Amino acid sequence: MSVTIKDIAKVAGVAHSTVSRALNDSKSISDETKVRIRDIAMELGYSPNVSARSLVLDRSYNIGLFFTTMDKGTAVSFFYDVVRSVNKVIRDEYNLMVRGIDDYRHFHLISKKNFDGIVIMSQSKSDDAFITTVHERQIPMVVLNREVEMPVCNILINDRTGVFHATEYLIQNGHRKIGIIEGKEDFRSTQLRKQGYVDAHHHYDLPLYDGFAVRGDYSTESGYEAMMGLLERDVLPTAVFCSNDEMAMGAINAVSRKGLRIPEDISIMGYDDSMFAGYLTPRLTTVKRPVDEMGKKGAAKLLDLINDNRASGERYYMNVQIVERDSIRKL
């Protein structure tokens, strides 16, 4: 037979309403009482009935985590890091529902009845209609990764500056012919990373070689195809910056397929510092984007907004750092 709130109240010597408020983190209950009641609940093996609690408190206990897309353009490692980091924060307090915005033709299911709060990992301006809908329906929301012109909590990684420093790092290692494999064309991250690459060339008064900027879509396969295209050129870059690590992995495979060596013949640099970057051959020099921290901060801010029942227009920027490994040769 399952343990109930009344069982906990009997052991704790308090009213069952006190137990209910303590387990729901009510401000009317002291921290000392909350800790004692939660300890008793744990000892008794209490498992809350989320459905019943939802009806009583008029809450869904669902958190939505929405990506621009879950198909082409969202790298597997990036998707995993975001889901893991958000899930770490919400733990067993909420159900996490992960979806792609492009899965929805209409937004009629996006309501306060179905979601207590929403985290949006935004990669494209096409998300704005969805973001506006969430905002208008007064659902607590945090937007990650892309700057939006709305009074919402916005947590960002400075991609333009990050790629400027990545390109600068290659220049400081003696490279003057630097290629770039870009990401998905309509993603804001792609545009910012390309601009950082261009900024560095202008800052150091270096030419932008015709044909050294090639298109990928953030997938490993696109990195392979883009690198194969670069290697067909009469003039080859001495180094190639890849706009994410998955495309860098594809680029490494292409170089190997052509019988060339990294970094002796050509240097490869990635972006993200994904989980496999340190296990490639050679180990990939890359730029660490604090995706895990961004996800955790976003989830924590969302819980604050839900509990305080307020709107927020705060904006936070998170910095990147270069992780040096073995894939860059000093000329």
C-alpha atoms as a PDB file:
ATOM      1  CA  MET A   1       0.000   0.000   0.000  1.00  0.00           C
ATOM      2  CA  SER A   2       1.426   3.409  -0.979  1.00  0.00           C
ATOM      3  CA  VAL A   3       2.381   6.020   1.608  1.00  0.00           C
ATOM      4  CA  THR A   4       0.075   9.059   1.772  1.00  0.00           C
ATOM      5  CA  ILE A   5       0.414  12.603   3.081  1.00  0.00           C
ATOM      6  CA  LYS A   6      -1.729  11.570   6.065  1.00  0.00           C
ATOM      7  CA  ASP A   7       0.820   8.858   6.968  1.00  0.00           C
ATOM      8  CA  ILE A   8       3.614  11.439   6.938  1.00  0.00           C
ATOM      9  CA  ALA A   9       1.508  13.844   9.018  1.00  0.00           C
ATOM     10  CA  LYS A  10       0.895  11.140  11.625  1.00  0.00           C
ATOM     11  CA  VAL A  11       4.610  10.416  12.049  1.00  0.00           C
ATOM     12  CA  ALA A  12       5.536  14.117  12.012  1.00  0.00           C
ATOM     13  CA  GLY A  13       2.778  15.050  14.486  1.00  0.00           C
ATOM     14  CA  VAL A  14       1.394  17.820  12.257  1.00  0.00           C
ATOM     15  CA  ALA A  15      -1.722  18.443  10.187  1.00  0.00           C
ATOM     16  CA  HIS A  16      -1.775  16.874   6.725  1.00  0.00           C
ATOM     17  CA  SER A  17      -2.205  20.399   5.258  1.00  0.00           C
ATOM     18  CA  THR A  18       1.166  21.312   6.805  1.00  0.00           C
ATOM     19  CA  VAL A  19       2.765  18.303   5.108  1.00  0.00           C
ATOM     20  CA  SER A  20       1.219  19.299   1.778  1.00  0.00           C
ATOM     21  CA  ARG A  21       2.500  22.863   2.041  1.00  0.00           C
ATOM     22  CA  ALA A  22       5.960  21.697   3.133  1.00  0.00           C
ATOM     23  CA  LEU A  23       6.303  19.273   0.206  1.00  0.00           C
ATOM     24  CA  ASN A  24       5.197  22.041  -2.164  1.00  0.00           C
ATOM     25  CA  ASP A  25       7.813  24.436  -0.747  1.00  0.00           C
ATOM     26  CA  SER A  26       5.271  26.919   0.616  1.00  0.00           C
ATOM     27  CA  LYS A  27       6.753  30.103   2.084  1.00  0.00           C
ATOM     28  CA  SER A  28       4.342  29.784   5.013  1.00  0.00           C
ATOM     29  CA  ILE A  29       6.314  26.775   6.337  1.00  0.00           C
ATOM     30  CA  SER A  30       9.697  27.197   8.047  1.00  0.00           C
ATOM     31  CA  ASP A  31      12.791  25.685   6.410  1.00  0.00           C
ATOM     32  CA  GLU A  32      13.360  23.547   9.514  1.00  0.00           C
ATOM     33  CA  THR A  33       9.872  22.015   9.253  1.00  0.00           C
ATOM     34  CA  LYS A  34      10.266  21.466   5.503  1.00  0.00           C
ATOM     35  CA  VAL A  35      13.523  19.566   5.996  1.00  0.00           C
ATOM     36  CA  ARG A  36      12.047  17.407   8.791  1.00  0.00           C
ATOM     37  CA  ILE A  37       8.926  16.530   6.785  1.00  0.00           C
ATOM     38  CA  ARG A  38      10.907  15.769   3.632  1.00  0.00           C
ATOM     39  CA  ASP A  39      13.223  13.492   5.595  1.00  0.00           C
ATOM     40  CA  ILE A  40      10.238  11.596   7.009  1.00  0.00           C
ATOM     41  CA  ALA A  41       8.686  11.354   3.538  1.00  0.00           C
ATOM     42  CA  MET A  42      11.929   9.899   2.184  1.00  0.00           C
ATOM     43  CA  GLU A  43      12.221   7.378   5.037  1.00  0.00           C
ATOM     44  CA  LEU A  44       8.639   6.220   4.463  1.00  0.00           C
ATOM     45  CA  GLY A  45       9.180   5.944   0.697  1.00  0.00           C
ATOM     46  CA  TYR A  46       6.586   8.560  -0.196  1.00  0.00           C
ATOM     47  CA  SER A  47       5.998   9.084  -3.931  1.00  0.00           C
ATOM     48  CA  PRO A  48       3.862  12.125  -4.840  1.00  0.00           C
ATOM     49  CA  ASN A  49       0.848  11.656  -7.067  1.00  0.00           C
ATOM     50  CA  VAL A  50       1.657  14.263  -9.707  1.00  0.00           C
ATOM     51  CA  SER A  51      -1.741  14.017 -11.400  1.00  0.00           C
ATOM     52  CA  ALA A  52      -3.629  14.594  -8.163  1.00  0.00           C
ATOM     53  CA  ARG A  53      -1.329  17.421  -7.147  1.00  0.00           C
ATOM     54  CA  SER A  54      -1.832  19.031 -10.560  1.00  0.00           C
ATOM     55  CA  LEU A  55      -5.611  19.055 -10.106  1.00  0.00           C
ATOM     56  CA  VAL A  56      -5.421  20.519  -6.598  1.00  0.00           C
ATOM     57  CA  LEU A  57      -2.922  23.254  -7.448  1.00  0.00           C
ATOM     58  CA  ASP A  58      -4.103  23.899 -11.035  1.00  0.00           C
ATOM     59  CA  ARG A  59      -0.644  23.199 -12.397  1.00  0.00           C
ATOM     60  CA  SER A  60       0.583  20.752 -15.029  1.00  0.00           C
ATOM     61  CA  TYR A  61       4.023  20.052 -13.534  1.00  0.00           C
ATOM     62  CA  ASN A  62       5.320  19.988 -17.099  1.00  0.00           C
ATOM     63  CA  ILE A  63       8.350  21.928 -18.299  1.00  0.00           C
ATOM     64  CA  GLY A  64       8.685  22.275 -22.066  1.00  0.00           C
ATOM     65  CA  LEU A  65      12.151  22.261 -23.650  1.00  0.00           C
ATOM     66  CA  PHE A  66      11.791  23.370 -27.270  1.00  0.00           C
ATOM     67  CA  PHE A  67      14.450  23.355 -29.978  1.00  0.00           C
ATOM     68  CA  THR A  68      14.102  25.168 -33.309  1.00  0.00           C
ATOM     69  CA  THR A  69      14.275  21.724 -34.869  1.00  0.00           C
ATOM     70  CA  MET A  70      15.128  18.206 -33.766  1.00  0.00           C
ATOM     71  CA  ASP A  71      15.950  17.186 -37.314  1.00  0.00           C
ATOM     72  CA  LYS A  72      18.754  18.584 -39.481  1.00  0.00           C
ATOM     73  CA  GLY A  73      20.699  21.411 -37.873  1.00  0.00           C
ATOM     74  CA  THR A  74      20.670  20.351 -34.202  1.00  0.00           C
ATOM     75  CA  ALA A  75      23.857  18.411 -33.525  1.00  0.00           C
ATOM     76  CA  VAL A  76      23.407  15.252 -31.462  1.00  0.00           C
ATOM     77  CA  SER A  77      26.012  16.256 -28.854  1.00  0.00           C
ATOM     78  CA  PHE A  78      24.479  19.745 -28.526  1.00  0.00           C
ATOM     79  CA  PHE A  79      20.985  18.272 -28.096  1.00  0.00           C
ATOM     80  CA  TYR A  80      22.228  15.821 -25.465  1.00  0.00           C
ATOM     81  CA  ASP A  81      24.104  18.495 -23.466  1.00  0.00           C
ATOM     82  CA  VAL A  82      21.081  20.809 -23.353  1.00  0.00           C
ATOM     83  CA  VAL A  83      18.580  18.117 -22.336  1.00  0.00           C
ATOM     84  CA  ARG A  84      20.942  16.722 -19.695  1.00  0.00           C
ATOM     85  CA  SER A  85      21.695  20.121 -18.157  1.00  0.00           C
ATOM     86  CA  VAL A  86      18.040  21.194 -17.933  1.00  0.00           C
ATOM     87  CA  ASN A  87      17.013  17.812 -16.546  1.00  0.00           C
ATOM     88  CA  LYS A  88      19.679  18.050 -13.827  1.00  0.00           C
ATOM     89  CA  VAL A  89      18.047  21.198 -12.469  1.00  0.00           C
ATOM     90  CA  ILE A  90      14.367  20.265 -12.596  1.00  0.00           C
ATOM     91  CA  ARG A  91      15.037  16.680 -11.388  1.00  0.00           C
ATOM     92  CA  ASP A  92      11.821  15.017 -10.194  1.00  0.00           C
ATOM     93  CA  GLU A  93       9.886  18.238  -9.507  1.00  0.00           C
ATOM     94  CA  TYR A  94       8.565  18.424 -13.071  1.00  0.00           C
ATOM     95  CA  ASN A  95       8.063  16.301 -16.162  1.00  0.00           C
ATOM     96  CA  LEU A  96      10.399  17.388 -18.971  1.00  0.00           C
ATOM     97  CA  MET A  97       8.787  17.457 -22.431  1.00  0.00           C
ATOM     98  CA  VAL A  98      11.254  17.868 -25.316  1.00  0.00           C
ATOM     99  CA  ARG A  99       9.977  18.962 -28.721  1.00  0.00           C
ATOM    100  CA  GLY A 100      10.965  20.724 -31.922  1.00  0.00           C
ATOM    101  CA  ILE A 101       9.165  23.979 -32.721  1.00  0.00           C
ATOM    102  CA  ASP A 102       9.007  22.952 -36.367  1.00  0.00           C
ATOM    103  CA  ASP A 103       6.921  19.918 -35.337  1.00  0.00           C
ATOM    104  CA  TYR A 104       3.987  22.279 -34.665  1.00  0.00           C
ATOM    105  CA  ARG A 105       1.746  23.587 -37.416  1.00  0.00           C
ATOM    106  CA  HIS A 106      -0.419  25.387 -34.845  1.00  0.00           C
ATOM    107  CA  PHE A 107       0.323  26.434 -31.270  1.00  0.00           C
ATOM    108  CA  HIS A 108      -3.076  25.692 -29.709  1.00  0.00           C
ATOM    109  CA  LEU A 109      -1.527  23.155 -27.294  1.00  0.00           C
ATOM    110  CA  ILE A 110       0.910  25.750 -25.957  1.00  0.00           C
ATOM    111  CA  SER A 111      -0.952  26.944 -22.873  1.00  0.00           C
ATOM    112  CA  LYS A 112      -0.539  27.435 -19.124  1.00  0.00           C
ATOM    113  CA  LYS A 113      -2.751  24.389 -18.686  1.00  0.00           C
ATOM    114  CA  ASN A 114      -0.160  22.194 -20.440  1.00  0.00           C
ATOM    115  CA  PHE A 115       3.081  23.902 -19.386  1.00  0.00           C
ATOM    116  CA  ASP A 116       4.109  25.560 -16.131  1.00  0.00           C
ATOM    117  CA  GLY A 117       7.119  26.984 -17.948  1.00  0.00           C
ATOM    118  CA  ILE A 118       9.079  26.721 -21.188  1.00  0.00           C
ATOM    119  CA  VAL A 119      12.781  26.784 -22.080  1.00  0.00           C
ATOM    120  CA  ILE A 120      13.469  27.591 -25.733  1.00  0.00           C
ATOM    121  CA  MET A 121      16.810  26.710 -27.326  1.00  0.00           C
ATOM    122  CA  SER A 122      16.405  29.155 -30.177  1.00  0.00           C
ATOM    123  CA  GLN A 123      18.547  28.875 -33.293  1.00  0.00           C
ATOM    124  CA  SER A 124      16.569  30.827 -35.884  1.00  0.00           C
ATOM    125  CA  LYS A 125      14.440  33.946 -36.309  1.00  0.00           C
ATOM    126  CA  SER A 126      11.693  31.586 -37.475  1.00  0.00           C
ATOM    127  CA  ASP A 127      11.157  30.818 -33.767  1.00  0.00           C
ATOM    128  CA  ASP A 128       9.828  34.330 -33.111  1.00  0.00           C
ATOM    129  CA  ALA A 129       6.177  33.409 -33.755  1.00  0.00           C
ATOM    130  CA  PHE A 130       6.428  30.633 -31.161  1.00  0.00           C
ATOM    131  CA  ILE A 131       8.210  32.886 -28.651  1.00  0.00           C
ATOM    132  CA  THR A 132       5.569  35.586 -29.132  1.00  0.00           C
ATOM    133  CA  THR A 133       2.801  33.021 -28.548  1.00  0.00           C
ATOM    134  CA  VAL A 134       4.370  31.831 -25.285  1.00  0.00           C
ATOM    135  CA  HIS A 135       4.877  35.425 -24.146  1.00  0.00           C
ATOM    136  CA  GLU A 136       1.306  36.483 -24.987  1.00  0.00           C
ATOM    137  CA  ARG A 137      -0.108  33.490 -23.117  1.00  0.00           C
ATOM    138  CA  GLN A 138       1.910  34.551 -20.050  1.00  0.00           C
ATOM    139  CA  ILE A 139       3.739  31.258 -19.674  1.00  0.00           C
ATOM    140  CA  PRO A 140       7.033  31.694 -17.784  1.00  0.00           C
ATOM    141  CA  MET A 141       9.791  31.415 -20.381  1.00  0.00           C
ATOM    142  CA  VAL A 142      13.568  31.513 -20.802  1.00  0.00           C
ATOM    143  CA  VAL A 143      15.147  31.828 -24.258  1.00  0.00           C
ATOM    144  CA  LEU A 144      18.635  30.390 -24.696  1.00  0.00           C
ATOM    145  CA  ASN A 145      21.287  30.796 -27.379  1.00  0.00           C
ATOM    146  CA  ARG A 146      19.750  33.574 -29.544  1.00  0.00           C
ATOM    147  CA  GLU A 147      19.123  37.206 -28.701  1.00  0.00           C
ATOM    148  CA  VAL A 148      15.449  38.166 -28.920  1.00  0.00           C
ATOM    149  CA  GLU A 149      13.869  41.610 -28.813  1.00  0.00           C
ATOM    150  CA  MET A 150      11.198  40.777 -26.244  1.00  0.00           C
ATOM    151  CA  PRO A 151      10.984  41.337 -22.482  1.00  0.00           C
ATOM    152  CA  VAL A 152      11.950  37.748 -21.621  1.00  0.00           C
ATOM    153  CA  CYS A 153      14.858  36.152 -19.788  1.00  0.00           C
ATOM    154  CA  ASN A 154      17.552  35.676 -22.444  1.00  0.00           C
ATOM    155  CA  ILE A 155      20.749  33.669 -21.834  1.00  0.00           C
ATOM    156  CA  LEU A 156      23.380  33.906 -24.548  1.00  0.00           C
ATOM    157  CA  ILE A 157      26.819  32.664 -25.530  1.00  0.00           C
ATOM    158  CA  ASN A 158      29.000  35.248 -27.249  1.00  0.00           C
ATOM    159  CA  ASP A 159      29.609  33.332 -30.490  1.00  0.00           C
ATOM    160  CA  ARG A 160      30.909  36.259 -32.535  1.00  0.00           C
ATOM    161  CA  THR A 161      33.642  37.044 -30.007  1.00  0.00           C
ATOM    162  CA  GLY A 162      34.347  33.334 -29.522  1.00  0.00           C
ATOM    163  CA  VAL A 163      35.047  32.745 -33.221  1.00  0.00           C
ATOM    164  CA  PHE A 164      37.061  35.965 -33.435  1.00  0.00           C
ATOM    165  CA  HIS A 165      39.381  34.525 -30.757  1.00  0.00           C
ATOM    166  CA  ALA A 166      39.437  31.109 -32.466  1.00  0.00           C
ATOM    167  CA  THR A 167      40.520  32.685 -35.761  1.00  0.00           C
ATOM    168  CA  GLU A 168      42.966  34.899 -33.894  1.00  0.00           C
ATOM    169  CA  TYR A 169      44.459  31.788 -32.305  1.00  0.00           C
ATOM    170  CA  LEU A 170      45.086  30.310 -35.761  1.00  0.00           C
ATOM    171  CA  ILE A 171      46.634  33.585 -36.948  1.00  0.00           C
ATOM    172  CA  GLN A 172      48.901  33.722 -33.903  1.00  0.00           C
ATOM    173  CA  ASN A 173      50.053  30.204 -34.776  1.00  0.00           C
ATOM    174  CA  GLY A 174      51.241  31.485 -38.148  1.00  0.00           C
ATOM    175  CA  HIS A 175      48.255  30.649 -40.359  1.00  0.00           C
ATOM    176  CA  ARG A 176      47.310  33.132 -43.077  1.00  0.00           C
ATOM    177  CA  LYS A 177      45.171  30.946 -45.346  1.00  0.00           C
ATOM    178  CA  ILE A 178      42.264  30.000 -43.109  1.00  0.00           C
ATOM    179  CA  GLY A 179      39.102  28.302 -44.330  1.00  0.00           C
ATOM    180  CA  ILE A 180      35.757  28.081 -42.574  1.00  0.00           C
ATOM    181  CA  ILE A 181      33.034  25.450 -42.708  1.00  0.00           C
ATOM    182  CA  GLU A 182      29.840  27.315 -41.874  1.00  0.00           C
ATOM    183  CA  GLY A 183      26.704  25.936 -40.257  1.00  0.00           C
ATOM    184  CA  LYS A 184      23.049  25.893 -41.304  1.00  0.00           C
ATOM    185  CA  GLU A 185      22.358  28.989 -43.355  1.00  0.00           C
ATOM    186  CA  ASP A 186      19.321  30.423 -41.531  1.00  0.00           C
ATOM    187  CA  PHE A 187      20.657  29.824 -38.006  1.00  0.00           C
ATOM    188  CA  ARG A 188      21.692  32.942 -36.108  1.00  0.00           C
ATOM    189  CA  SER A 189      24.688  31.081 -34.659  1.00  0.00           C
ATOM    190  CA  THR A 190      25.975  30.501 -38.203  1.00  0.00           C
ATOM    191  CA  GLN A 191      25.822  34.200 -38.999  1.00  0.00           C
ATOM    192  CA  LEU A 192      27.541  35.257 -35.766  1.00  0.00           C
ATOM    193  CA  ARG A 193      30.334  32.703 -36.142  1.00  0.00           C
ATOM    194  CA  LYS A 194      30.986  33.726 -39.736  1.00  0.00           C
ATOM    195  CA  GLN A 195      31.110  37.374 -38.645  1.00  0.00           C
ATOM    196  CA  GLY A 196      33.679  36.563 -35.941  1.00  0.00           C
ATOM    197  CA  TYR A 197      35.843  34.882 -38.598  1.00  0.00           C
ATOM    198  CA  VAL A 198      35.542  37.935 -40.886  1.00  0.00           C
ATOM    199  CA  ASP A 199      36.206  40.338 -37.977  1.00  0.00           C
ATOM    200  CA  ALA A 200      39.501  38.616 -37.175  1.00  0.00           C
ATOM    201  CA  HIS A 201      40.666  38.817 -40.796  1.00  0.00           C
ATOM    202  CA  HIS A 202      39.863  42.521 -40.925  1.00  0.00           C
ATOM    203  CA  HIS A 203      41.497  43.165 -37.545  1.00  0.00           C
ATOM    204  CA  TYR A 204      44.765  41.528 -38.674  1.00  0.00           C
ATOM    205  CA  ASP A 205      44.495  42.954 -42.208  1.00  0.00           C
ATOM    206  CA  LEU A 206      44.402  39.520 -43.833  1.00  0.00           C
ATOM    207  CA  PRO A 207      42.697  38.699 -47.149  1.00  0.00           C
ATOM    208  CA  LEU A 208      39.548  36.579 -47.239  1.00  0.00           C
ATOM    209  CA  TYR A 209      40.361  33.968 -49.888  1.00  0.00           C
ATOM    210  CA  ASP A 210      37.693  33.307 -52.481  1.00  0.00           C
ATOM    211  CA  GLY A 211      36.184  29.868 -51.972  1.00  0.00           C
ATOM    212  CA  PHE A 212      37.605  29.334 -48.470  1.00  0.00           C
ATOM    213  CA  ALA A 213      34.143  29.725 -46.884  1.00  0.00           C
ATOM    214  CA  VAL A 214      32.035  26.611 -47.535  1.00  0.00           C
ATOM    215  CA  ARG A 215      28.589  25.604 -46.312  1.00  0.00           C
ATOM    216  CA  GLY A 216      27.721  22.807 -43.917  1.00  0.00           C
ATOM    217  CA  ASP A 217      24.637  22.206 -41.789  1.00  0.00           C
ATOM    218  CA  TYR A 218      26.234  21.250 -38.427  1.00  0.00           C
ATOM    219  CA  SER A 219      26.124  17.521 -39.229  1.00  0.00           C
ATOM    220  CA  THR A 220      29.200  15.262 -39.491  1.00  0.00           C
ATOM    221  CA  GLU A 221      28.281  14.361 -43.070  1.00  0.00           C
ATOM    222  CA  SER A 222      28.146  18.011 -44.140  1.00  0.00           C
ATOM    223  CA  GLY A 223      31.578  18.637 -42.582  1.00  0.00           C
ATOM    224  CA  TYR A 224      32.971  15.751 -44.595  1.00  0.00           C
ATOM    225  CA  GLU A 225      31.452  16.989 -47.861  1.00  0.00           C
ATOM    226  CA  ALA A 226      32.496  20.601 -47.257  1.00  0.00           C
ATOM    227  CA  MET A 227      36.074  19.583 -46.456  1.00  0.00           C
ATOM    228  CA  MET A 228      36.259  17.395 -49.563  1.00  0.00           C
ATOM    229  CA  GLY A 229      35.265  20.454 -51.560  1.00  0.00           C
ATOM    230  CA  LEU A 230      37.986  22.571 -49.974  1.00  0.00           C
ATOM    231  CA  LEU A 231      40.588  19.891 -50.701  1.00  0.00           C
ATOM    232  CA  GLU A 232      39.723  20.020 -54.413  1.00  0.00           C
ATOM    233  CA  ARG A 233      40.912  23.613 -54.660  1.00  0.00           C
ATOM    234  CA  ASP A 234      44.180  24.576 -56.399  1.00  0.00           C
ATOM    235  CA  VAL A 235      45.182  26.669 -53.366  1.00  0.00           C
ATOM    236  CA  LEU A 236      44.569  24.912 -50.058  1.00  0.00           C
ATOM    237  CA  PRO A 237      44.047  26.538 -46.661  1.00  0.00           C
ATOM    238  CA  THR A 238      46.678  25.718 -44.048  1.00  0.00           C
ATOM    239  CA  ALA A 239      43.957  25.656 -41.374  1.00  0.00           C
ATOM    240  CA  VAL A 240      40.172  25.220 -41.346  1.00  0.00           C
ATOM    241  CA  PHE A 241      37.841  26.466 -38.633  1.00  0.00           C
ATOM    242  CA  CYS A 242      34.706  24.306 -38.348  1.00  0.00           C
ATOM    243  CA  SER A 243      31.606  25.941 -36.876  1.00  0.00           C
ATOM    244  CA  ASN A 244      30.966  22.956 -34.622  1.00  0.00           C
ATOM    245  CA  ASP A 245      32.812  19.822 -33.514  1.00  0.00           C
ATOM    246  CA  GLU A 246      30.612  17.408 -35.448  1.00  0.00           C
ATOM    247  CA  MET A 247      31.552  19.077 -38.726  1.00  0.00           C
ATOM    248  CA  ALA A 248      35.182  19.056 -37.559  1.00  0.00           C
ATOM    249  CA  MET A 249      34.928  15.285 -37.125  1.00  0.00           C
ATOM    250  CA  GLY A 250      33.658  14.991 -40.704  1.00  0.00           C
ATOM    251  CA  ALA A 251      36.470  17.281 -41.895  1.00  0.00           C
ATOM    252  CA  ILE A 252      39.082  15.098 -40.157  1.00  0.00           C
ATOM    253  CA  ASN A 253      37.697  12.028 -41.945  1.00  0.00           C
ATOM    254  CA  ALA A 254      37.858  13.833 -45.290  1.00  0.00           C
ATOM    255  CA  VAL A 255      41.500  14.837 -44.772  1.00  0.00           C
ATOM    256  CA  SER A 256      42.371  11.253 -43.871  1.00  0.00           C
ATOM    257  CA  ARG A 257      40.481   9.946 -46.928  1.00  0.00           C
ATOM    258  CA  LYS A 258      42.640  12.203 -49.128  1.00  0.00           C
ATOM    259  CA  GLY A 259      45.802  10.712 -47.624  1.00  0.00           C
ATOM    260  CA  LEU A 260      46.758  13.913 -45.801  1.00  0.00           C
ATOM    261  CA  ARG A 261      47.778  14.307 -42.176  1.00  0.00           C
ATOM    262  CA  ILE A 262      46.482  16.524 -39.364  1.00  0.00           C
ATOM    263  CA  PRO A 263      48.097  18.805 -38.306  1.00  0.00           C
ATOM    264  CA  GLU A 264      51.208  18.246 -40.479  1.00  0.00           C
ATOM    265  CA  ASP A 265      49.445  18.973 -43.789  1.00  0.00           C
ATOM    266  CA  ILE A 266      46.410  20.896 -42.598  1.00  0.00           C
ATOM    267  CA  SER A 267      45.166  22.086 -39.196  1.00  0.00           C
ATOM    268  CA  ILE A 268      41.560  21.634 -38.045  1.00  0.00           C
ATOM    269  CA  MET A 269      39.798  23.594 -35.299  1.00  0.00           C
ATOM    270  CA  GLY A 270      36.317  22.934 -33.925  1.00  0.00           C
ATOM    271  CA  TYR A 271      33.739  24.766 -31.870  1.00  0.00           C
ATOM    272  CA  ASP A 272      31.733  23.517 -28.842  1.00  0.00           C
ATOM    273  CA  ASP A 273      34.191  21.195 -27.027  1.00  0.00           C
ATOM    274  CA  SER A 274      31.718  18.336 -27.293  1.00  0.00           C
ATOM    275  CA  MET A 275      32.141  15.100 -25.371  1.00  0.00           C
ATOM    276  CA  PHE A 276      34.105  13.342 -28.127  1.00  0.00           C
ATOM    277  CA  ALA A 277      36.507  16.203 -29.027  1.00  0.00           C
ATOM    278  CA  GLY A 278      39.262  14.907 -26.757  1.00  0.00           C
ATOM    279  CA  TYR A 279      38.980  11.351 -28.125  1.00  0.00           C
ATOM    280  CA  LEU A 280      39.411  12.010 -31.845  1.00  0.00           C
ATOM    281  CA  THR A 281      42.721  11.287 -33.610  1.00  0.00           C
ATOM    282  CA  PRO A 282      44.306  13.736 -33.369  1.00  0.00           C
ATOM    283  CA  ARG A 283      42.602  15.213 -30.323  1.00  0.00           C
ATOM    284  CA  LEU A 284      40.635  18.245 -31.487  1.00  0.00           C
ATOM    285  CA  THR A 285      41.603  21.793 -30.582  1.00  0.00           C
ATOM    286  CA  THR A 286      38.293  23.570 -30.164  1.00  0.00           C
ATOM    287  CA  VAL A 287      36.386  26.378 -28.459  1.00  0.00           C
ATOM    288  CA  LYS A 288      34.438  25.459 -25.353  1.00  0.00           C
ATOM    289  CA  ARG A 289      30.913  26.836 -25.361  1.00  0.00           C
ATOM    290  CA  PRO A 290      29.420  26.532 -21.865  1.00  0.00           C
ATOM    291  CA  VAL A 291      26.268  24.814 -23.135  1.00  0.00           C
ATOM    292  CA  ASP A 292      25.899  22.822 -19.908  1.00  0.00           C
ATOM    293  CA  GLU A 293      26.094  25.992 -17.799  1.00  0.00           C
ATOM    294  CA  MET A 294      23.689  27.803 -20.125  1.00  0.00           C
ATOM    295  CA  GLY A 295      21.134  24.994 -19.799  1.00  0.00           C
ATOM    296  CA  LYS A 296      21.456  24.844 -16.025  1.00  0.00           C
ATOM    297  CA  LYS A 297      21.193  28.601 -15.626  1.00  0.00           C
ATOM    298  CA  GLY A 298      18.208  28.707 -17.952  1.00  0.00           C
ATOM    299  CA  ALA A 299      16.382  25.982 -16.034  1.00  0.00           C
ATOM    300  CA  ALA A 300      17.174  27.603 -12.673  1.00  0.00           C
ATOM    301  CA  LYS A 301      15.933  30.986 -13.878  1.00  0.00           C
ATOM    302  CA  LEU A 302      12.752  29.374 -15.201  1.00  0.00           C
ATOM    303  CA  LEU A 303      12.009  27.770 -11.819  1.00  0.00           C
ATOM    304  CA  ASP A 304      12.502  31.190 -10.196  1.00  0.00           C
ATOM    305  CA  LEU A 305      10.025  32.721 -12.641  1.00  0.00           C
ATOM    306  CA  ILE A 306       7.485  29.947 -12.030  1.00  0.00           C
ATOM    307  CA  ASN A 307       7.744  30.239  -8.250  1.00  0.00           C
ATOM    308  CA  ASP A 308       7.663  34.050  -8.239  1.00  0.00           C
ATOM    309  CA  ASN A 309       4.963  34.198 -10.931  1.00  0.00           C
ATOM    310  CA  ARG A 310       6.563  37.190 -12.635  1.00  0.00           C
ATOM    311  CA  ALA A 311       7.925  38.257 -16.012  1.00  0.00           C
ATOM    312  CA  SER A 312      11.599  38.950 -16.664  1.00  0.00           C
ATOM    313  CA  GLY A 313      13.578  40.880 -19.247  1.00  0.00           C
ATOM    314  CA  GLU A 314      17.014  39.998 -17.899  1.00  0.00           C
ATOM    315  CA  ARG A 315      19.820  39.187 -20.336  1.00  0.00           C
ATOM    316  CA  TYR A 316      22.957  37.179 -19.498  1.00  0.00           C
ATOM    317  CA  TYR A 317      26.075  36.608 -21.595  1.00  0.00           C
ATOM    318  CA  MET A 318      28.372  33.604 -21.143  1.00  0.00           C
ATOM    319  CA  ASN A 319      31.943  33.549 -22.418  1.00  0.00           C
ATOM    320  CA  VAL A 320      33.837  30.853 -24.311  1.00  0.00           C
ATOM    321  CA  GLN A 321      37.425  29.617 -24.048  1.00  0.00           C
ATOM    322  CA  ILE A 322      39.911  27.898 -26.337  1.00  0.00           C
ATOM    323  CA  VAL A 323      40.816  24.307 -25.475  1.00  0.00           C
ATOM    324  CA  GLU A 324      44.239  23.462 -26.937  1.00  0.00           C
ATOM    325  CA  ARG A 325      44.873  19.886 -28.031  1.00  0.00           C
ATOM    326  CA  ASP A 326      46.708  18.335 -30.987  1.00  0.00           C
ATOM    327  CA  SER A 327      44.998  19.346 -34.240  1.00  0.00           C
ATOM    328  CA  ILE A 328      46.725  22.711 -34.813  1.00  0.00           C
ATOM    329  CA  ARG A 329      50.255  23.051 -36.192  1.00  0.00           C
ATOM    330  CA  LYS A 330      52.361  26.127 -35.459  1.00  0.00           C
ATOM    331  CA  LEU A 331      53.864  27.408 -38.719  1.00  0.00           C
END
